[in-house]
Amino acid sequence: MISFATGLEQSTQFWDGERDENVWGYGKRVRFVANSIIQGFPGSDLASIRVLDVGCGNGWFLAVPLARRGFDVTGIDLHEPSIDRARHFADGLTNVRFAVGTVSELGTARFDVVILSEVLEHVSDPKALLLASLERLKPDGIVLITVPNGYGEFEIDSWIFRTLHLQGAVDFLKRVFRNYSSEVVRGQQDLAATDNTECGHVHFFRHRQLKLMFTECSLNTVRESAGSFMCGPIVCYTVARSRRFIDWNVRVTEKLPLTLSSSWYFVLRRRGLSVAGII
């Protein structure tokens, strides 16, 4: 059985997903997740809603913001340095706990909400992880999944960045222009949701592949939405410095087909359960 602990160190200024937005649409994602939970359990005291964040990373952009909103949150991840940092960010919060390990090591614990956010694309068997996570879900619970569009702007932008070895140009500019380093590179590095830089994407999902996997796991999609439009490294090092661009970037996907978004958000329930109040 895994032991849990909250952080004891002084955390940095908190980013809550409401005051600020970023090129990845993390503020939009927090709002989608929080609102979906509230709609899924209408009239419930937020402190009574138990949330499990599977593959929580360092907790900065989802687990901790949800705890600050009043939900009871458990975050779990295999990467110990990320969990150590999550505990740091959670300093002073009594309604969030973090653990290093796999979801199967949670024993008999059951949760009202299970979240897999930006996780399925990193594992060799995403369906197995989803099924294992569903074992932790209460019968009337909801599942929240966010995942990159495997053929969206982020993946295309990232492929170009790697293929053209543009990181070398960025490193050169960092050495030559100190202001470039502090203003531009900071904007990309400081927004990482995990400290695990070695675990890249191994799956590149199409929308229909995800929907098929949900069906095979006996899940119904009751709500879906889009993340930001453009968020690859080339964008991050250039136009993402503009607040106007960032605000436009998260709004424009509401008017575009889902296939053009860089990421997708899903709310799911087990097949056969009522979806009243959440759509």
C-alpha atoms as a PDB file:
ATOM      1  CA  MET A   1       0.000   0.000   0.000  1.00  0.00           C
ATOM      2  CA  ILE A   2       1.255   3.482  -0.837  1.00  0.00           C
ATOM      3  CA  SER A   3       1.723   6.053   1.903  1.00  0.00           C
ATOM      4  CA  PHE A   4       0.596   9.617   1.199  1.00  0.00           C
ATOM      5  CA  ALA A   5       1.930  12.980   2.273  1.00  0.00           C
ATOM      6  CA  THR A   6       1.359  16.630   1.486  1.00  0.00           C
ATOM      7  CA  GLY A   7       4.173  19.081   0.920  1.00  0.00           C
ATOM      8  CA  LEU A   8       5.921  20.847   3.785  1.00  0.00           C
ATOM      9  CA  GLU A   9       7.952  23.394   1.856  1.00  0.00           C
ATOM     10  CA  GLN A  10       7.093  26.971   1.017  1.00  0.00           C
ATOM     11  CA  SER A  11       5.359  26.997  -2.374  1.00  0.00           C
ATOM     12  CA  THR A  12       5.787  29.647  -5.038  1.00  0.00           C
ATOM     13  CA  GLN A  13       3.034  32.056  -6.021  1.00  0.00           C
ATOM     14  CA  PHE A  14       0.072  29.972  -7.092  1.00  0.00           C
ATOM     15  CA  TRP A  15      -1.257  29.869 -10.648  1.00  0.00           C
ATOM     16  CA  ASP A  16      -4.950  29.094 -10.389  1.00  0.00           C
ATOM     17  CA  GLY A  17      -6.056  28.808 -14.007  1.00  0.00           C
ATOM     18  CA  GLU A  18      -8.442  31.728 -13.613  1.00  0.00           C
ATOM     19  CA  ARG A  19      -6.210  34.808 -13.389  1.00  0.00           C
ATOM     20  CA  ASP A  20      -3.861  33.607 -16.127  1.00  0.00           C
ATOM     21  CA  GLU A  21      -3.953  31.543 -19.275  1.00  0.00           C
ATOM     22  CA  ASN A  22      -1.153  30.008 -21.294  1.00  0.00           C
ATOM     23  CA  VAL A  23      -0.589  28.773 -24.818  1.00  0.00           C
ATOM     24  CA  TRP A  24      -1.589  25.203 -23.874  1.00  0.00           C
ATOM     25  CA  GLY A  25      -4.944  26.365 -22.522  1.00  0.00           C
ATOM     26  CA  TYR A  26      -4.295  25.077 -18.999  1.00  0.00           C
ATOM     27  CA  GLY A  27      -6.674  27.631 -17.488  1.00  0.00           C
ATOM     28  CA  LYS A  28      -9.374  26.497 -19.885  1.00  0.00           C
ATOM     29  CA  ARG A  29      -8.685  22.879 -18.918  1.00  0.00           C
ATOM     30  CA  VAL A  30      -8.999  23.589 -15.184  1.00  0.00           C
ATOM     31  CA  ARG A  31     -12.304  25.331 -15.762  1.00  0.00           C
ATOM     32  CA  PHE A  32     -13.589  22.479 -17.943  1.00  0.00           C
ATOM     33  CA  VAL A  33     -12.623  19.861 -15.357  1.00  0.00           C
ATOM     34  CA  ALA A  34     -13.944  21.780 -12.330  1.00  0.00           C
ATOM     35  CA  ASN A  35     -17.226  22.699 -14.010  1.00  0.00           C
ATOM     36  CA  SER A  36     -17.729  19.141 -15.264  1.00  0.00           C
ATOM     37  CA  ILE A  37     -17.290  17.762 -11.743  1.00  0.00           C
ATOM     38  CA  ILE A  38     -19.731  20.284 -10.275  1.00  0.00           C
ATOM     39  CA  GLN A  39     -22.294  19.523 -13.008  1.00  0.00           C
ATOM     40  CA  GLY A  40     -21.778  15.799 -12.493  1.00  0.00           C
ATOM     41  CA  PHE A  41     -22.607  16.033  -8.780  1.00  0.00           C
ATOM     42  CA  PRO A  42     -25.157  18.848  -8.519  1.00  0.00           C
ATOM     43  CA  GLY A  43     -25.779  20.095  -5.005  1.00  0.00           C
ATOM     44  CA  SER A  44     -22.846  18.169  -3.513  1.00  0.00           C
ATOM     45  CA  ASP A  45     -20.426  19.788  -1.117  1.00  0.00           C
ATOM     46  CA  LEU A  46     -17.149  20.073  -3.047  1.00  0.00           C
ATOM     47  CA  ALA A  47     -15.188  18.756  -0.073  1.00  0.00           C
ATOM     48  CA  SER A  48     -17.179  15.508  -0.263  1.00  0.00           C
ATOM     49  CA  ILE A  49     -16.214  14.822  -3.899  1.00  0.00           C
ATOM     50  CA  ARG A  50     -13.168  12.540  -4.031  1.00  0.00           C
ATOM     51  CA  VAL A  51     -11.014  13.107  -7.106  1.00  0.00           C
ATOM     52  CA  LEU A  52      -8.191  10.854  -8.338  1.00  0.00           C
ATOM     53  CA  ASP A  53      -5.689  12.419 -10.747  1.00  0.00           C
ATOM     54  CA  VAL A  54      -3.849   9.555 -12.467  1.00  0.00           C
ATOM     55  CA  GLY A  55      -0.456  10.602 -13.849  1.00  0.00           C
ATOM     56  CA  CYS A  56      -0.721  13.926 -12.033  1.00  0.00           C
ATOM     57  CA  GLY A  57       2.831  15.085 -12.816  1.00  0.00           C
ATOM     58  CA  ASN A  58       3.885  17.904 -10.512  1.00  0.00           C
ATOM     59  CA  GLY A  59       0.275  18.864  -9.795  1.00  0.00           C
ATOM     60  CA  TRP A  60       0.768  22.512 -10.667  1.00  0.00           C
ATOM     61  CA  PHE A  61      -1.873  22.867 -13.365  1.00  0.00           C
ATOM     62  CA  LEU A  62      -4.646  20.492 -12.270  1.00  0.00           C
ATOM     63  CA  ALA A  63      -4.450  18.624  -8.946  1.00  0.00           C
ATOM     64  CA  VAL A  64      -3.472  21.652  -6.871  1.00  0.00           C
ATOM     65  CA  PRO A  65      -5.928  24.066  -8.570  1.00  0.00           C
ATOM     66  CA  LEU A  66      -8.742  21.559  -7.989  1.00  0.00           C
ATOM     67  CA  ALA A  67      -7.784  21.246  -4.324  1.00  0.00           C
ATOM     68  CA  ARG A  68      -7.774  25.024  -3.987  1.00  0.00           C
ATOM     69  CA  ARG A  69     -11.303  25.041  -5.341  1.00  0.00           C
ATOM     70  CA  GLY A  70     -12.339  22.733  -2.490  1.00  0.00           C
ATOM     71  CA  PHE A  71     -12.317  19.209  -3.965  1.00  0.00           C
ATOM     72  CA  ASP A  72     -10.712  16.310  -2.101  1.00  0.00           C
ATOM     73  CA  VAL A  73      -7.838  15.354  -4.408  1.00  0.00           C
ATOM     74  CA  THR A  74      -5.424  12.433  -4.637  1.00  0.00           C
ATOM     75  CA  GLY A  75      -2.649  12.568  -7.216  1.00  0.00           C
ATOM     76  CA  ILE A  76      -0.531   9.604  -8.257  1.00  0.00           C
ATOM     77  CA  ASP A  77       2.421   9.382 -10.634  1.00  0.00           C
ATOM     78  CA  LEU A  78       5.358   7.045 -11.268  1.00  0.00           C
ATOM     79  CA  HIS A  79       7.891   9.889 -11.410  1.00  0.00           C
ATOM     80  CA  GLU A  80       9.166  10.583  -7.894  1.00  0.00           C
ATOM     81  CA  PRO A  81      10.755  14.007  -8.620  1.00  0.00           C
ATOM     82  CA  SER A  82       7.421  15.230 -10.009  1.00  0.00           C
ATOM     83  CA  ILE A  83       5.594  14.025  -6.902  1.00  0.00           C
ATOM     84  CA  ASP A  84       8.172  15.698  -4.672  1.00  0.00           C
ATOM     85  CA  ARG A  85       7.508  18.965  -6.455  1.00  0.00           C
ATOM     86  CA  ALA A  86       3.737  18.433  -6.273  1.00  0.00           C
ATOM     87  CA  ARG A  87       4.036  18.177  -2.491  1.00  0.00           C
ATOM     88  CA  HIS A  88       6.000  21.405  -2.536  1.00  0.00           C
ATOM     89  CA  PHE A  89       3.276  23.175  -4.525  1.00  0.00           C
ATOM     90  CA  ALA A  90       0.568  21.755  -2.228  1.00  0.00           C
ATOM     91  CA  ASP A  91       2.118  23.186   0.929  1.00  0.00           C
ATOM     92  CA  GLY A  92      -0.597  24.216   3.382  1.00  0.00           C
ATOM     93  CA  LEU A  93      -3.412  22.333   1.658  1.00  0.00           C
ATOM     94  CA  THR A  94      -4.984  19.585   3.749  1.00  0.00           C
ATOM     95  CA  ASN A  95      -7.364  18.296   1.066  1.00  0.00           C
ATOM     96  CA  VAL A  96      -4.738  17.059  -1.411  1.00  0.00           C
ATOM     97  CA  ARG A  97      -2.244  14.217  -1.152  1.00  0.00           C
ATOM     98  CA  PHE A  98       0.276  12.783  -3.585  1.00  0.00           C
ATOM     99  CA  ALA A  99       1.813   9.338  -3.996  1.00  0.00           C
ATOM    100  CA  VAL A 100       4.474   7.686  -6.118  1.00  0.00           C
ATOM    101  CA  GLY A 101       3.273   4.473  -7.735  1.00  0.00           C
ATOM    102  CA  THR A 102       0.693   2.897 -10.022  1.00  0.00           C
ATOM    103  CA  VAL A 103      -3.051   3.214  -9.801  1.00  0.00           C
ATOM    104  CA  SER A 104      -3.354  -0.480  -8.862  1.00  0.00           C
ATOM    105  CA  GLU A 105      -1.377   0.242  -5.675  1.00  0.00           C
ATOM    106  CA  LEU A 106      -4.204   2.347  -4.271  1.00  0.00           C
ATOM    107  CA  GLY A 107      -5.779  -0.743  -2.725  1.00  0.00           C
ATOM    108  CA  THR A 108      -9.524  -0.584  -2.185  1.00  0.00           C
ATOM    109  CA  ALA A 109      -9.853   3.213  -2.408  1.00  0.00           C
ATOM    110  CA  ARG A 110     -12.726   4.402  -4.603  1.00  0.00           C
ATOM    111  CA  PHE A 111     -13.296   7.859  -6.054  1.00  0.00           C
ATOM    112  CA  ASP A 112     -16.185   9.906  -7.420  1.00  0.00           C
ATOM    113  CA  VAL A 113     -14.007  11.276 -10.220  1.00  0.00           C
ATOM    114  CA  VAL A 114     -11.064   9.741 -12.059  1.00  0.00           C
ATOM    115  CA  ILE A 115      -8.925  12.034 -14.210  1.00  0.00           C
ATOM    116  CA  LEU A 116      -6.402  11.011 -16.858  1.00  0.00           C
ATOM    117  CA  SER A 117      -5.074  14.286 -18.218  1.00  0.00           C
ATOM    118  CA  GLU A 118      -2.321  14.277 -20.843  1.00  0.00           C
ATOM    119  CA  VAL A 119      -1.388  10.719 -19.776  1.00  0.00           C
ATOM    120  CA  LEU A 120      -2.722   8.146 -22.250  1.00  0.00           C
ATOM    121  CA  GLU A 121      -0.416   9.296 -25.033  1.00  0.00           C
ATOM    122  CA  HIS A 122       2.640   8.547 -22.860  1.00  0.00           C
ATOM    123  CA  VAL A 123       1.972   4.875 -22.049  1.00  0.00           C
ATOM    124  CA  SER A 124       2.467   1.764 -24.167  1.00  0.00           C
ATOM    125  CA  ASP A 125      -0.995   0.351 -23.376  1.00  0.00           C
ATOM    126  CA  PRO A 126      -3.439   3.231 -22.843  1.00  0.00           C
ATOM    127  CA  LYS A 127      -6.484   0.957 -22.761  1.00  0.00           C
ATOM    128  CA  ALA A 128      -4.975  -1.084 -19.924  1.00  0.00           C
ATOM    129  CA  LEU A 129      -4.266   2.076 -17.930  1.00  0.00           C
ATOM    130  CA  LEU A 130      -7.806   3.320 -18.498  1.00  0.00           C
ATOM    131  CA  LEU A 131      -9.297   0.000 -17.356  1.00  0.00           C
ATOM    132  CA  ALA A 132      -7.065  -0.069 -14.273  1.00  0.00           C
ATOM    133  CA  SER A 133      -8.124   3.485 -13.441  1.00  0.00           C
ATOM    134  CA  LEU A 134     -11.801   2.546 -13.807  1.00  0.00           C
ATOM    135  CA  GLU A 135     -11.289  -0.009 -11.030  1.00  0.00           C
ATOM    136  CA  ARG A 136     -10.863   2.977  -8.696  1.00  0.00           C
ATOM    137  CA  LEU A 137     -14.128   4.626  -9.828  1.00  0.00           C
ATOM    138  CA  LYS A 138     -17.356   4.450  -7.846  1.00  0.00           C
ATOM    139  CA  PRO A 139     -20.307   2.973  -9.792  1.00  0.00           C
ATOM    140  CA  ASP A 140     -21.915   6.386 -10.372  1.00  0.00           C
ATOM    141  CA  GLY A 141     -18.645   8.257 -10.877  1.00  0.00           C
ATOM    142  CA  ILE A 142     -17.395  10.224 -13.855  1.00  0.00           C
ATOM    143  CA  VAL A 143     -14.174   9.995 -15.872  1.00  0.00           C
ATOM    144  CA  LEU A 144     -12.403  13.054 -17.245  1.00  0.00           C
ATOM    145  CA  ILE A 145      -9.848  12.560 -19.998  1.00  0.00           C
ATOM    146  CA  THR A 146      -7.754  15.122 -21.834  1.00  0.00           C
ATOM    147  CA  VAL A 147      -5.436  14.031 -24.624  1.00  0.00           C
ATOM    148  CA  PRO A 148      -3.517  15.675 -27.480  1.00  0.00           C
ATOM    149  CA  ASN A 149      -4.794  15.481 -31.015  1.00  0.00           C
ATOM    150  CA  GLY A 150      -2.194  13.142 -32.486  1.00  0.00           C
ATOM    151  CA  TYR A 151      -2.351  14.985 -35.811  1.00  0.00           C
ATOM    152  CA  GLY A 152      -2.983  18.508 -34.550  1.00  0.00           C
ATOM    153  CA  GLU A 153      -0.800  21.609 -34.634  1.00  0.00           C
ATOM    154  CA  PHE A 154       1.154  20.677 -31.514  1.00  0.00           C
ATOM    155  CA  GLU A 155       2.392  17.369 -32.931  1.00  0.00           C
ATOM    156  CA  ILE A 156       3.135  18.869 -36.375  1.00  0.00           C
ATOM    157  CA  ASP A 157       4.938  21.856 -34.856  1.00  0.00           C
ATOM    158  CA  SER A 158       6.939  19.550 -32.557  1.00  0.00           C
ATOM    159  CA  TRP A 159       7.936  17.297 -35.473  1.00  0.00           C
ATOM    160  CA  ILE A 160       9.211  20.273 -37.490  1.00  0.00           C
ATOM    161  CA  PHE A 161      11.090  21.592 -34.448  1.00  0.00           C
ATOM    162  CA  ARG A 162      12.840  18.233 -33.957  1.00  0.00           C
ATOM    163  CA  THR A 163      13.468  17.539 -37.638  1.00  0.00           C
ATOM    164  CA  LEU A 164      15.067  20.931 -38.270  1.00  0.00           C
ATOM    165  CA  HIS A 165      17.052  20.744 -34.998  1.00  0.00           C
ATOM    166  CA  LEU A 166      15.734  24.146 -34.003  1.00  0.00           C
ATOM    167  CA  GLN A 167      16.658  23.603 -30.362  1.00  0.00           C
ATOM    168  CA  GLY A 168      20.239  24.409 -31.390  1.00  0.00           C
ATOM    169  CA  ALA A 169      19.131  27.805 -32.683  1.00  0.00           C
ATOM    170  CA  VAL A 170      17.217  28.445 -29.471  1.00  0.00           C
ATOM    171  CA  ASP A 171      20.244  27.513 -27.363  1.00  0.00           C
ATOM    172  CA  PHE A 172      22.393  29.870 -29.430  1.00  0.00           C
ATOM    173  CA  LEU A 173      19.975  32.740 -28.896  1.00  0.00           C
ATOM    174  CA  LYS A 174      19.922  31.962 -25.181  1.00  0.00           C
ATOM    175  CA  ARG A 175      23.673  32.437 -25.047  1.00  0.00           C
ATOM    176  CA  VAL A 176      23.730  35.583 -27.195  1.00  0.00           C
ATOM    177  CA  PHE A 177      20.659  37.407 -25.982  1.00  0.00           C
ATOM    178  CA  ARG A 178      20.099  37.271 -22.248  1.00  0.00           C
ATOM    179  CA  ASN A 179      16.736  38.982 -22.523  1.00  0.00           C
ATOM    180  CA  TYR A 180      15.585  36.356 -25.003  1.00  0.00           C
ATOM    181  CA  SER A 181      16.548  33.675 -22.540  1.00  0.00           C
ATOM    182  CA  SER A 182      14.747  35.209 -19.600  1.00  0.00           C
ATOM    183  CA  GLU A 183      11.584  36.220 -21.429  1.00  0.00           C
ATOM    184  CA  VAL A 184      11.022  33.595 -24.113  1.00  0.00           C
ATOM    185  CA  VAL A 185      12.561  30.410 -22.801  1.00  0.00           C
ATOM    186  CA  ARG A 186      11.125  30.985 -19.364  1.00  0.00           C
ATOM    187  CA  GLY A 187       7.675  31.026 -20.907  1.00  0.00           C
ATOM    188  CA  GLN A 188       8.132  27.464 -22.158  1.00  0.00           C
ATOM    189  CA  GLN A 189      10.143  25.877 -19.357  1.00  0.00           C
ATOM    190  CA  ASP A 190       8.214  27.278 -16.396  1.00  0.00           C
ATOM    191  CA  LEU A 191       4.911  25.953 -17.726  1.00  0.00           C
ATOM    192  CA  ALA A 192       5.841  22.264 -17.653  1.00  0.00           C
ATOM    193  CA  ALA A 193       3.175  20.096 -16.031  1.00  0.00           C
ATOM    194  CA  THR A 194       5.687  17.392 -15.112  1.00  0.00           C
ATOM    195  CA  ASP A 195       9.352  17.208 -14.197  1.00  0.00           C
ATOM    196  CA  ASN A 196       9.693  14.016 -16.249  1.00  0.00           C
ATOM    197  CA  THR A 197      11.305  15.164 -19.498  1.00  0.00           C
ATOM    198  CA  GLU A 198      12.214  11.647 -20.631  1.00  0.00           C
ATOM    199  CA  CYS A 199       8.676  10.353 -21.154  1.00  0.00           C
ATOM    200  CA  GLY A 200       7.569  11.458 -24.609  1.00  0.00           C
ATOM    201  CA  HIS A 201       4.483  10.666 -26.647  1.00  0.00           C
ATOM    202  CA  VAL A 202       4.250   7.075 -27.852  1.00  0.00           C
ATOM    203  CA  HIS A 203       0.659   7.242 -29.126  1.00  0.00           C
ATOM    204  CA  PHE A 204      -0.750   9.760 -31.584  1.00  0.00           C
ATOM    205  CA  PHE A 205      -4.507   9.505 -31.314  1.00  0.00           C
ATOM    206  CA  ARG A 206      -7.171  10.249 -33.835  1.00  0.00           C
ATOM    207  CA  HIS A 207     -10.584  11.212 -32.518  1.00  0.00           C
ATOM    208  CA  ARG A 208     -12.242   8.025 -33.724  1.00  0.00           C
ATOM    209  CA  GLN A 209      -9.530   5.874 -32.092  1.00  0.00           C
ATOM    210  CA  LEU A 210     -10.267   7.444 -28.730  1.00  0.00           C
ATOM    211  CA  LYS A 211     -14.014   7.012 -29.107  1.00  0.00           C
ATOM    212  CA  LEU A 212     -13.504   3.330 -30.004  1.00  0.00           C
ATOM    213  CA  MET A 213     -11.326   2.816 -26.921  1.00  0.00           C
ATOM    214  CA  PHE A 214     -13.959   4.447 -24.728  1.00  0.00           C
ATOM    215  CA  THR A 215     -16.605   2.126 -26.157  1.00  0.00           C
ATOM    216  CA  GLU A 216     -14.395  -0.918 -25.566  1.00  0.00           C
ATOM    217  CA  CYS A 217     -14.049   0.199 -21.930  1.00  0.00           C
ATOM    218  CA  SER A 218     -17.870   0.452 -21.608  1.00  0.00           C
ATOM    219  CA  LEU A 219     -17.823   4.241 -21.361  1.00  0.00           C
ATOM    220  CA  ASN A 220     -20.247   6.718 -22.877  1.00  0.00           C
ATOM    221  CA  THR A 221     -19.051  10.179 -23.887  1.00  0.00           C
ATOM    222  CA  VAL A 222     -21.436  12.677 -22.344  1.00  0.00           C
ATOM    223  CA  ARG A 223     -19.507  15.840 -23.099  1.00  0.00           C
ATOM    224  CA  GLU A 224     -16.458  16.809 -25.142  1.00  0.00           C
ATOM    225  CA  SER A 225     -14.630  20.024 -25.875  1.00  0.00           C
ATOM    226  CA  ALA A 226     -11.422  21.397 -27.370  1.00  0.00           C
ATOM    227  CA  GLY A 227      -8.235  22.760 -25.857  1.00  0.00           C
ATOM    228  CA  SER A 228      -6.101  25.391 -27.554  1.00  0.00           C
ATOM    229  CA  PHE A 229      -5.427  25.711 -31.275  1.00  0.00           C
ATOM    230  CA  MET A 230      -1.634  26.204 -31.538  1.00  0.00           C
ATOM    231  CA  CYS A 231       0.840  25.229 -28.824  1.00  0.00           C
ATOM    232  CA  GLY A 232       3.939  23.581 -30.308  1.00  0.00           C
ATOM    233  CA  PRO A 233       7.505  24.680 -29.498  1.00  0.00           C
ATOM    234  CA  ILE A 234       7.857  26.980 -32.530  1.00  0.00           C
ATOM    235  CA  VAL A 235       4.690  28.798 -31.483  1.00  0.00           C
ATOM    236  CA  CYS A 236       5.880  28.868 -27.857  1.00  0.00           C
ATOM    237  CA  TYR A 237       9.162  30.541 -28.780  1.00  0.00           C
ATOM    238  CA  THR A 238       7.518  33.132 -31.040  1.00  0.00           C
ATOM    239  CA  VAL A 239       3.920  34.383 -30.965  1.00  0.00           C
ATOM    240  CA  ALA A 240       3.097  32.802 -27.595  1.00  0.00           C
ATOM    241  CA  ARG A 241       4.791  35.779 -25.974  1.00  0.00           C
ATOM    242  CA  SER A 242       1.683  37.805 -26.879  1.00  0.00           C
ATOM    243  CA  ARG A 243      -1.158  37.855 -24.338  1.00  0.00           C
ATOM    244  CA  ARG A 244      -3.555  38.746 -27.146  1.00  0.00           C
ATOM    245  CA  PHE A 245      -2.490  35.647 -29.065  1.00  0.00           C
ATOM    246  CA  ILE A 246      -2.876  33.414 -25.982  1.00  0.00           C
ATOM    247  CA  ASP A 247      -6.405  34.654 -25.337  1.00  0.00           C
ATOM    248  CA  TRP A 248      -7.381  34.214 -29.007  1.00  0.00           C
ATOM    249  CA  ASN A 249      -5.726  30.796 -29.138  1.00  0.00           C
ATOM    250  CA  VAL A 250      -7.977  29.263 -26.466  1.00  0.00           C
ATOM    251  CA  ARG A 251     -11.160  30.928 -27.735  1.00  0.00           C
ATOM    252  CA  VAL A 252     -10.894  30.171 -31.425  1.00  0.00           C
ATOM    253  CA  THR A 253     -11.281  26.394 -31.017  1.00  0.00           C
ATOM    254  CA  GLU A 254     -14.862  26.916 -29.866  1.00  0.00           C
ATOM    255  CA  LYS A 255     -15.633  27.942 -33.455  1.00  0.00           C
ATOM    256  CA  LEU A 256     -13.470  25.351 -35.222  1.00  0.00           C
ATOM    257  CA  PRO A 257     -13.978  21.636 -35.911  1.00  0.00           C
ATOM    258  CA  LEU A 258     -12.531  19.402 -33.183  1.00  0.00           C
ATOM    259  CA  THR A 259     -10.010  18.017 -35.667  1.00  0.00           C
ATOM    260  CA  LEU A 260      -8.215  21.395 -35.697  1.00  0.00           C
ATOM    261  CA  SER A 261      -7.702  21.590 -31.945  1.00  0.00           C
ATOM    262  CA  SER A 262      -4.357  20.564 -30.449  1.00  0.00           C
ATOM    263  CA  SER A 263      -6.088  18.711 -27.612  1.00  0.00           C
ATOM    264  CA  TRP A 264      -9.446  17.249 -26.662  1.00  0.00           C
ATOM    265  CA  TYR A 265     -11.396  17.083 -23.394  1.00  0.00           C
ATOM    266  CA  PHE A 266     -13.901  14.319 -22.593  1.00  0.00           C
ATOM    267  CA  VAL A 267     -16.391  13.640 -19.801  1.00  0.00           C
ATOM    268  CA  LEU A 268     -17.452   9.993 -19.612  1.00  0.00           C
ATOM    269  CA  ARG A 269     -19.704   7.738 -17.553  1.00  0.00           C
ATOM    270  CA  ARG A 270     -20.093   3.998 -17.456  1.00  0.00           C
ATOM    271  CA  ARG A 271     -22.509   2.745 -20.060  1.00  0.00           C
ATOM    272  CA  GLY A 272     -26.096   2.641 -18.890  1.00  0.00           C
ATOM    273  CA  LEU A 273     -25.826   5.425 -16.299  1.00  0.00           C
ATOM    274  CA  SER A 274     -27.903   8.574 -16.564  1.00  0.00           C
ATOM    275  CA  VAL A 275     -26.068  11.628 -17.855  1.00  0.00           C
ATOM    276  CA  ALA A 276     -28.677  14.131 -16.641  1.00  0.00           C
ATOM    277  CA  GLY A 277     -27.146  17.304 -15.258  1.00  0.00           C
ATOM    278  CA  ILE A 278     -23.764  16.932 -16.918  1.00  0.00           C
ATOM    279  CA  ILE A 279     -24.452  17.667 -20.577  1.00  0.00           C
END
